[in-house]
């Protein structure tokens, strides 16, 4: 199974993450985020296994309901980092 990843504020083309291949048939958002963490050195999940609130994740342009959401071959997962500000 192959999944495409698009991460804002990170040039993933330099890290060969545009297309990620998995050897198993059932792949979840959690599986993808763990794989991305290994390469990007970013932590996407908190200690409870939930997506950190500053990440906005969608699958093929639609809202991702949670980390256990299953992906299909050829899906595109967009990960946007919400800019935090203060003032």
PDB file of N, CA and C in Angstrom:
ATOM      1  N   UNK A   1       0.848  -1.166   0.000  1.00  0.00           N
ATOM      2  CA  UNK A   1       0.000   0.000   0.000  1.00  0.00           C
ATOM      3  C   UNK A   1       0.893   1.229   0.000  1.00  0.00           C
ATOM      4  N   UNK A   2       0.528   2.218  -0.817  1.00  0.00           N
ATOM      5  CA  UNK A   2       1.276   3.475  -0.861  1.00  0.00           C
ATOM      6  C   UNK A   2       0.374   4.624  -0.446  1.00  0.00           C
ATOM      7  N   UNK A   3       0.920   5.510   0.382  1.00  0.00           N
ATOM      8  CA  UNK A   3       0.204   6.686   0.864  1.00  0.00           C
ATOM      9  C   UNK A   3       1.064   7.901   0.554  1.00  0.00           C
ATOM     10  N   UNK A   4       0.438   8.984   0.136  1.00  0.00           N
ATOM     11  CA  UNK A   4       1.144  10.230  -0.146  1.00  0.00           C
ATOM     12  C   UNK A   4       1.013  11.151   1.062  1.00  0.00           C
ATOM     13  N   UNK A   5       2.077  11.845   1.406  1.00  0.00           N
ATOM     14  CA  UNK A   5       2.054  12.772   2.540  1.00  0.00           C
ATOM     15  C   UNK A   5       2.422  14.168   2.069  1.00  0.00           C
ATOM     16  N   UNK A   6       1.671  15.141   2.546  1.00  0.00           N
ATOM     17  CA  UNK A   6       1.971  16.547   2.294  1.00  0.00           C
ATOM     18  C   UNK A   6       1.998  17.239   3.650  1.00  0.00           C
ATOM     19  N   UNK A   7       3.143  17.802   4.011  1.00  0.00           N
ATOM     20  CA  UNK A   7       3.275  18.456   5.312  1.00  0.00           C
ATOM     21  C   UNK A   7       3.641  19.909   5.086  1.00  0.00           C
ATOM     22  N   UNK A   8       2.821  20.822   5.599  1.00  0.00           N
ATOM     23  CA  UNK A   8       3.122  22.244   5.450  1.00  0.00           C
ATOM     24  C   UNK A   8       4.346  22.608   6.279  1.00  0.00           C
ATOM     25  N   UNK A   9       5.083  23.598   5.831  1.00  0.00           N
ATOM     26  CA  UNK A   9       6.277  24.112   6.509  1.00  0.00           C
ATOM     27  C   UNK A   9       7.416  23.106   6.566  1.00  0.00           C
ATOM     28  N   UNK A  10       7.338  22.060   5.764  1.00  0.00           N
ATOM     29  CA  UNK A  10       8.396  21.064   5.752  1.00  0.00           C
ATOM     30  C   UNK A  10       8.550  20.571   4.325  1.00  0.00           C
ATOM     31  N   UNK A  11       9.734  20.686   3.777  1.00  0.00           N
ATOM     32  CA  UNK A  11       9.967  20.221   2.421  1.00  0.00           C
ATOM     33  C   UNK A  11      10.238  18.726   2.458  1.00  0.00           C
ATOM     34  N   UNK A  12       9.169  17.937   2.386  1.00  0.00           N
ATOM     35  CA  UNK A  12       9.336  16.494   2.524  1.00  0.00           C
ATOM     36  C   UNK A  12       9.893  15.853   1.269  1.00  0.00           C
ATOM     37  N   UNK A  13       9.900  16.563   0.147  1.00  0.00           N
ATOM     38  CA  UNK A  13      10.471  15.978  -1.060  1.00  0.00           C
ATOM     39  C   UNK A  13      11.947  15.668  -0.852  1.00  0.00           C
ATOM     40  N   UNK A  14      12.618  16.475  -0.043  1.00  0.00           N
ATOM     41  CA  UNK A  14      14.027  16.233   0.248  1.00  0.00           C
ATOM     42  C   UNK A  14      14.219  15.005   1.132  1.00  0.00           C
ATOM     43  N   UNK A  15      13.170  14.553   1.778  1.00  0.00           N
ATOM     44  CA  UNK A  15      13.280  13.429   2.708  1.00  0.00           C
ATOM     45  C   UNK A  15      12.610  12.170   2.167  1.00  0.00           C
ATOM     46  N   UNK A  16      12.242  12.176   0.881  1.00  0.00           N
ATOM     47  CA  UNK A  16      11.621  11.021   0.235  1.00  0.00           C
ATOM     48  C   UNK A  16      10.367  10.545   0.957  1.00  0.00           C
ATOM     49  N   UNK A  17       9.547  11.471   1.413  1.00  0.00           N
ATOM     50  CA  UNK A  17       8.317  11.102   2.115  1.00  0.00           C
ATOM     51  C   UNK A  17       7.068  11.390   1.296  1.00  0.00           C
ATOM     52  N   UNK A  18       7.241  11.877   0.086  1.00  0.00           N
ATOM     53  CA  UNK A  18       6.069  12.186  -0.717  1.00  0.00           C
ATOM     54  C   UNK A  18       5.220  10.937  -0.941  1.00  0.00           C
ATOM     55  N   UNK A  19       5.857   9.785  -1.091  1.00  0.00           N
ATOM     56  CA  UNK A  19       5.134   8.530  -1.248  1.00  0.00           C
ATOM     57  C   UNK A  19       5.717   7.526  -0.265  1.00  0.00           C
ATOM     58  N   UNK A  20       4.888   7.052   0.639  1.00  0.00           N
ATOM     59  CA  UNK A  20       5.340   6.148   1.695  1.00  0.00           C
ATOM     60  C   UNK A  20       4.691   4.792   1.477  1.00  0.00           C
ATOM     61  N   UNK A  21       5.505   3.764   1.453  1.00  0.00           N
ATOM     62  CA  UNK A  21       4.994   2.428   1.200  1.00  0.00           C
ATOM     63  C   UNK A  21       4.961   1.617   2.493  1.00  0.00           C
ATOM     64  N   UNK A  22       3.872   0.872   2.666  1.00  0.00           N
ATOM     65  CA  UNK A  22       3.692   0.006   3.831  1.00  0.00           C
ATOM     66  C   UNK A  22       3.556  -1.434   3.351  1.00  0.00           C
ATOM     67  N   UNK A  23       4.066  -2.367   4.143  1.00  0.00           N
ATOM     68  CA  UNK A  23       4.001  -3.783   3.790  1.00  0.00           C
ATOM     69  C   UNK A  23       2.718  -4.459   4.262  1.00  0.00           C
ATOM     70  N   UNK A  24       1.915  -3.754   5.035  1.00  0.00           N
ATOM     71  CA  UNK A  24       0.690  -4.369   5.539  1.00  0.00           C
ATOM     72  C   UNK A  24      -0.528  -3.816   4.806  1.00  0.00           C
ATOM     73  N   UNK A  25      -1.635  -4.546   4.889  1.00  0.00           N
ATOM     74  CA  UNK A  25      -2.839  -4.161   4.148  1.00  0.00           C
ATOM     75  C   UNK A  25      -3.666  -3.110   4.865  1.00  0.00           C
ATOM     76  N   UNK A  26      -3.676  -3.132   6.194  1.00  0.00           N
ATOM     77  CA  UNK A  26      -4.444  -2.154   6.963  1.00  0.00           C
ATOM     78  C   UNK A  26      -3.460  -1.152   7.564  1.00  0.00           C
ATOM     79  N   UNK A  27      -3.587   0.106   7.136  1.00  0.00           N
ATOM     80  CA  UNK A  27      -2.717   1.180   7.609  1.00  0.00           C
ATOM     81  C   UNK A  27      -3.604   2.289   8.153  1.00  0.00           C
ATOM     82  N   UNK A  28      -3.270   2.784   9.330  1.00  0.00           N
ATOM     83  CA  UNK A  28      -4.044   3.860   9.951  1.00  0.00           C
ATOM     84  C   UNK A  28      -3.237   5.158   9.952  1.00  0.00           C
ATOM     85  N   UNK A  29      -3.915   6.229  10.296  1.00  0.00           N
ATOM     86  CA  UNK A  29      -3.237   7.519  10.453  1.00  0.00           C
ATOM     87  C   UNK A  29      -2.118   7.387  11.488  1.00  0.00           C
ATOM     88  N   UNK A  30      -2.376   6.649  12.548  1.00  0.00           N
ATOM     89  CA  UNK A  30      -1.355   6.458  13.588  1.00  0.00           C
ATOM     90  C   UNK A  30      -0.102   5.807  13.000  1.00  0.00           C
ATOM     91  N   UNK A  31      -0.279   4.781  12.156  1.00  0.00           N
ATOM     92  CA  UNK A  31       0.863   4.132  11.509  1.00  0.00           C
ATOM     93  C   UNK A  31       1.660   5.139  10.682  1.00  0.00           C
ATOM     94  N   UNK A  32       0.950   5.954   9.925  1.00  0.00           N
ATOM     95  CA  UNK A  32       1.608   6.955   9.089  1.00  0.00           C
ATOM     96  C   UNK A  32       2.369   7.969   9.936  1.00  0.00           C
ATOM     97  N   UNK A  33       1.746   8.449  11.005  1.00  0.00           N
ATOM     98  CA  UNK A  33       2.393   9.453  11.850  1.00  0.00           C
ATOM     99  C   UNK A  33       3.634   8.896  12.548  1.00  0.00           C
ATOM    100  N   UNK A  34       3.583   7.635  12.965  1.00  0.00           N
ATOM    101  CA  UNK A  34       4.779   7.018  13.555  1.00  0.00           C
ATOM    102  C   UNK A  34       5.901   6.938  12.523  1.00  0.00           C
ATOM    103  N   UNK A  35       5.555   6.552  11.300  1.00  0.00           N
ATOM    104  CA  UNK A  35       6.563   6.460  10.242  1.00  0.00           C
ATOM    105  C   UNK A  35       7.152   7.834   9.942  1.00  0.00           C
ATOM    106  N   UNK A  36       6.295   8.843   9.855  1.00  0.00           N
ATOM    107  CA  UNK A  36       6.781  10.200   9.592  1.00  0.00           C
ATOM    108  C   UNK A  36       7.658  10.711  10.734  1.00  0.00           C
ATOM    109  N   UNK A  37       7.306  10.360  11.962  1.00  0.00           N
ATOM    110  CA  UNK A  37       8.089  10.797  13.128  1.00  0.00           C
ATOM    111  C   UNK A  37       9.528  10.309  13.052  1.00  0.00           C
ATOM    112  N   UNK A  38       9.708   9.095  12.555  1.00  0.00           N
ATOM    113  CA  UNK A  38      11.050   8.526  12.452  1.00  0.00           C
ATOM    114  C   UNK A  38      11.945   9.357  11.538  1.00  0.00           C
ATOM    115  N   UNK A  39      11.372   9.869  10.461  1.00  0.00           N
ATOM    116  CA  UNK A  39      12.164  10.586   9.468  1.00  0.00           C
ATOM    117  C   UNK A  39      12.219  12.086   9.709  1.00  0.00           C
ATOM    118  N   UNK A  40      11.086  12.680  10.073  1.00  0.00           N
ATOM    119  CA  UNK A  40      11.035  14.139  10.221  1.00  0.00           C
ATOM    120  C   UNK A  40      11.499  14.602  11.592  1.00  0.00           C
ATOM    121  N   UNK A  41      11.600  13.666  12.539  1.00  0.00           N
ATOM    122  CA  UNK A  41      11.976  13.991  13.925  1.00  0.00           C
ATOM    123  C   UNK A  41      10.951  14.912  14.592  1.00  0.00           C
ATOM    124  N   UNK A  42       9.725  14.898  14.074  1.00  0.00           N
ATOM    125  CA  UNK A  42       8.631  15.662  14.683  1.00  0.00           C
ATOM    126  C   UNK A  42       7.748  14.684  15.446  1.00  0.00           C
ATOM    127  N   UNK A  43       7.163  15.144  16.534  1.00  0.00           N
ATOM    128  CA  UNK A  43       6.246  14.321  17.313  1.00  0.00           C
ATOM    129  C   UNK A  43       4.829  14.777  17.008  1.00  0.00           C
ATOM    130  N   UNK A  44       4.035  13.889  16.448  1.00  0.00           N
ATOM    131  CA  UNK A  44       2.674  14.216  16.041  1.00  0.00           C
ATOM    132  C   UNK A  44       1.640  13.794  17.079  1.00  0.00           C
ATOM    133  N   UNK A  45       2.003  12.818  17.932  1.00  0.00           N
ATOM    134  CA  UNK A  45       1.052  12.274  18.901  1.00  0.00           C
ATOM    135  C   UNK A  45       1.515  12.558  20.323  1.00  0.00           C
ATOM    136  N   UNK A  46       0.531  12.818  21.204  1.00  0.00           N
ATOM    137  CA  UNK A  46       0.870  13.050  22.606  1.00  0.00           C
ATOM    138  C   UNK A  46       1.045  11.709  23.329  1.00  0.00           C
ATOM    139  N   UNK A  47       1.263  11.751  24.628  1.00  0.00           N
ATOM    140  CA  UNK A  47       1.502  10.532  25.414  1.00  0.00           C
ATOM    141  C   UNK A  47       0.309   9.591  25.420  1.00  0.00           C
ATOM    142  N   UNK A  48      -0.880  10.129  25.141  1.00  0.00           N
ATOM    143  CA  UNK A  48      -2.092   9.312  25.113  1.00  0.00           C
ATOM    144  C   UNK A  48      -2.414   8.798  23.715  1.00  0.00           C
ATOM    145  N   UNK A  49      -1.527   9.067  22.756  1.00  0.00           N
ATOM    146  CA  UNK A  49      -1.742   8.593  21.394  1.00  0.00           C
ATOM    147  C   UNK A  49      -2.701   9.442  20.585  1.00  0.00           C
ATOM    148  N   UNK A  50      -2.974  10.661  21.042  1.00  0.00           N
ATOM    149  CA  UNK A  50      -3.864  11.572  20.307  1.00  0.00           C
ATOM    150  C   UNK A  50      -3.022  12.593  19.552  1.00  0.00           C
ATOM    151  N   UNK A  51      -3.571  13.069  18.452  1.00  0.00           N
ATOM    152  CA  UNK A  51      -2.868  14.048  17.629  1.00  0.00           C
ATOM    153  C   UNK A  51      -2.765  15.363  18.390  1.00  0.00           C
ATOM    154  N   UNK A  52      -1.547  15.924  18.441  1.00  0.00           N
ATOM    155  CA  UNK A  52      -1.370  17.227  19.081  1.00  0.00           C
ATOM    156  C   UNK A  52      -2.284  18.251  18.412  1.00  0.00           C
ATOM    157  N   UNK A  53      -2.868  19.165  19.198  1.00  0.00           N
ATOM    158  CA  UNK A  53      -3.848  20.110  18.653  1.00  0.00           C
ATOM    159  C   UNK A  53      -3.287  21.096  17.632  1.00  0.00           C
ATOM    160  N   UNK A  54      -1.971  21.281  17.564  1.00  0.00           N
ATOM    161  CA  UNK A  54      -1.440  22.224  16.583  1.00  0.00           C
ATOM    162  C   UNK A  54      -1.249  21.594  15.200  1.00  0.00           C
ATOM    163  N   UNK A  55      -1.651  20.329  15.040  1.00  0.00           N
ATOM    164  CA  UNK A  55      -1.637  19.687  13.728  1.00  0.00           C
ATOM    165  C   UNK A  55      -3.067  19.538  13.231  1.00  0.00           C
ATOM    166  N   UNK A  56      -3.278  19.922  11.988  1.00  0.00           N
ATOM    167  CA  UNK A  56      -4.571  19.762  11.326  1.00  0.00           C
ATOM    168  C   UNK A  56      -4.357  18.727  10.228  1.00  0.00           C
ATOM    169  N   UNK A  57      -5.036  17.589  10.331  1.00  0.00           N
ATOM    170  CA  UNK A  57      -4.803  16.485   9.406  1.00  0.00           C
ATOM    171  C   UNK A  57      -6.066  16.197   8.610  1.00  0.00           C
ATOM    172  N   UNK A  58      -5.886  16.052   7.296  1.00  0.00           N
ATOM    173  CA  UNK A  58      -7.000  15.677   6.434  1.00  0.00           C
ATOM    174  C   UNK A  58      -6.551  14.571   5.484  1.00  0.00           C
ATOM    175  N   UNK A  59      -7.529  13.823   5.002  1.00  0.00           N
ATOM    176  CA  UNK A  59      -7.275  12.730   4.067  1.00  0.00           C
ATOM    177  C   UNK A  59      -8.031  13.047   2.787  1.00  0.00           C
ATOM    178  N   UNK A  60      -7.307  13.188   1.702  1.00  0.00           N
ATOM    179  CA  UNK A  60      -7.911  13.543   0.414  1.00  0.00           C
ATOM    180  C   UNK A  60      -8.787  14.782   0.538  1.00  0.00           C
ATOM    181  N   UNK A  61      -8.334  15.741   1.340  1.00  0.00           N
ATOM    182  CA  UNK A  61      -9.042  17.009   1.497  1.00  0.00           C
ATOM    183  C   UNK A  61     -10.192  16.990   2.483  1.00  0.00           C
ATOM    184  N   UNK A  62     -10.424  15.863   3.152  1.00  0.00           N
ATOM    185  CA  UNK A  62     -11.523  15.765   4.120  1.00  0.00           C
ATOM    186  C   UNK A  62     -10.964  15.583   5.528  1.00  0.00           C
ATOM    187  N   UNK A  63     -11.684  16.110   6.506  1.00  0.00           N
ATOM    188  CA  UNK A  63     -11.284  16.048   7.910  1.00  0.00           C
ATOM    189  C   UNK A  63     -10.974  14.616   8.332  1.00  0.00           C
ATOM    190  N   UNK A  64      -9.902  14.442   9.075  1.00  0.00           N
ATOM    191  CA  UNK A  64      -9.524  13.140   9.628  1.00  0.00           C
ATOM    192  C   UNK A  64     -10.133  13.008  11.021  1.00  0.00           C
ATOM    193  N   UNK A  65     -11.033  12.043  11.240  1.00  0.00           N
ATOM    194  CA  UNK A  65     -11.705  11.930  12.534  1.00  0.00           C
ATOM    195  C   UNK A  65     -10.837  11.425  13.682  1.00  0.00           C
ATOM    196  N   UNK A  66      -9.720  10.766  13.402  1.00  0.00           N
ATOM    197  CA  UNK A  66      -8.885  10.286  14.499  1.00  0.00           C
ATOM    198  C   UNK A  66      -7.755   9.396  14.030  1.00  0.00           C
ATOM    199  N   UNK A  67      -6.915   8.995  14.978  1.00  0.00           N
ATOM    200  CA  UNK A  67      -5.702   8.239  14.652  1.00  0.00           C
ATOM    201  C   UNK A  67      -5.977   6.820  14.166  1.00  0.00           C
ATOM    202  N   UNK A  68      -7.149   6.286  14.466  1.00  0.00           N
ATOM    203  CA  UNK A  68      -7.470   4.928  14.044  1.00  0.00           C
ATOM    204  C   UNK A  68      -8.137   4.876  12.673  1.00  0.00           C
ATOM    205  N   UNK A  69      -8.242   6.016  12.010  1.00  0.00           N
ATOM    206  CA  UNK A  69      -8.830   6.072  10.676  1.00  0.00           C
ATOM    207  C   UNK A  69      -7.957   5.283   9.709  1.00  0.00           C
ATOM    208  N   UNK A  70      -8.588   4.363   8.972  1.00  0.00           N
ATOM    209  CA  UNK A  70      -7.845   3.541   8.024  1.00  0.00           C
ATOM    210  C   UNK A  70      -7.622   4.295   6.724  1.00  0.00           C
ATOM    211  N   UNK A  71      -6.449   4.082   6.152  1.00  0.00           N
ATOM    212  CA  UNK A  71      -6.089   4.697   4.881  1.00  0.00           C
ATOM    213  C   UNK A  71      -6.242   3.679   3.761  1.00  0.00           C
ATOM    214  N   UNK A  72      -6.479   4.186   2.562  1.00  0.00           N
ATOM    215  CA  UNK A  72      -6.579   3.349   1.374  1.00  0.00           C
ATOM    216  C   UNK A  72      -5.380   3.599   0.476  1.00  0.00           C
ATOM    217  N   UNK A  73      -5.077   2.629  -0.348  1.00  0.00           N
ATOM    218  CA  UNK A  73      -3.974   2.761  -1.285  1.00  0.00           C
ATOM    219  C   UNK A  73      -4.169   4.010  -2.140  1.00  0.00           C
ATOM    220  N   UNK A  74      -3.146   4.847  -2.204  1.00  0.00           N
ATOM    221  CA  UNK A  74      -3.199   6.059  -3.009  1.00  0.00           C
ATOM    222  C   UNK A  74      -3.751   7.279  -2.306  1.00  0.00           C
ATOM    223  N   UNK A  75      -4.182   7.143  -1.054  1.00  0.00           N
ATOM    224  CA  UNK A  75      -4.685   8.303  -0.307  1.00  0.00           C
ATOM    225  C   UNK A  75      -3.598   9.362  -0.174  1.00  0.00           C
ATOM    226  N   UNK A  76      -4.032  10.612  -0.106  1.00  0.00           N
ATOM    227  CA  UNK A  76      -3.130  11.719   0.175  1.00  0.00           C
ATOM    228  C   UNK A  76      -3.500  12.287   1.531  1.00  0.00           C
ATOM    229  N   UNK A  77      -2.532  12.319   2.423  1.00  0.00           N
ATOM    230  CA  UNK A  77      -2.746  12.848   3.770  1.00  0.00           C
ATOM    231  C   UNK A  77      -2.045  14.198   3.861  1.00  0.00           C
ATOM    232  N   UNK A  78      -2.833  15.220   4.193  1.00  0.00           N
ATOM    233  CA  UNK A  78      -2.287  16.563   4.357  1.00  0.00           C
ATOM    234  C   UNK A  78      -2.143  16.844   5.848  1.00  0.00           C
ATOM    235  N   UNK A  79      -0.954  17.295   6.235  1.00  0.00           N
ATOM    236  CA  UNK A  79      -0.694  17.651   7.630  1.00  0.00           C
ATOM    237  C   UNK A  79      -0.296  19.113   7.648  1.00  0.00           C
ATOM    238  N   UNK A  80      -1.133  19.915   8.268  1.00  0.00           N
ATOM    239  CA  UNK A  80      -0.851  21.345   8.371  1.00  0.00           C
ATOM    240  C   UNK A  80      -0.511  21.667   9.817  1.00  0.00           C
ATOM    241  N   UNK A  81       0.490  22.499   9.957  1.00  0.00           N
ATOM    242  CA  UNK A  81       0.902  22.933  11.283  1.00  0.00           C
ATOM    243  C   UNK A  81       0.282  24.299  11.518  1.00  0.00           C
ATOM    244  N   UNK A  82      -0.581  24.378  12.517  1.00  0.00           N
ATOM    245  CA  UNK A  82      -1.213  25.657  12.830  1.00  0.00           C
ATOM    246  C   UNK A  82      -0.197  26.547  13.518  1.00  0.00           C
ATOM    247  N   UNK A  83      -0.071  27.737  13.003  1.00  0.00           N
ATOM    248  CA  UNK A  83       0.888  28.678  13.573  1.00  0.00           C
ATOM    249  C   UNK A  83       0.338  29.216  14.889  1.00  0.00           C
ATOM    250  N   UNK A  84       1.126  29.100  15.914  1.00  0.00           N
ATOM    251  CA  UNK A  84       0.732  29.604  17.225  1.00  0.00           C
ATOM    252  C   UNK A  84       1.369  30.969  17.414  1.00  0.00           C
ATOM    253  N   UNK A  85       0.619  31.852  17.964  1.00  0.00           N
ATOM    254  CA  UNK A  85       1.165  33.190  18.164  1.00  0.00           C
ATOM    255  C   UNK A  85       0.800  33.729  19.527  1.00  0.00           C
ATOM    256  N   UNK A  86       1.436  34.754  19.880  1.00  0.00           N
ATOM    257  CA  UNK A  86       1.154  35.394  21.161  1.00  0.00           C
ATOM    258  C   UNK A  86       1.222  36.895  20.986  1.00  0.00           C
ATOM    259  N   UNK A  87       0.859  37.536  21.984  1.00  0.00           N
ATOM    260  CA  UNK A  87       0.909  38.962  21.789  1.00  0.00           C
ATOM    261  C   UNK A  87       0.687  39.715  23.004  1.00  0.00           C
TER     262      UNK A  87
END
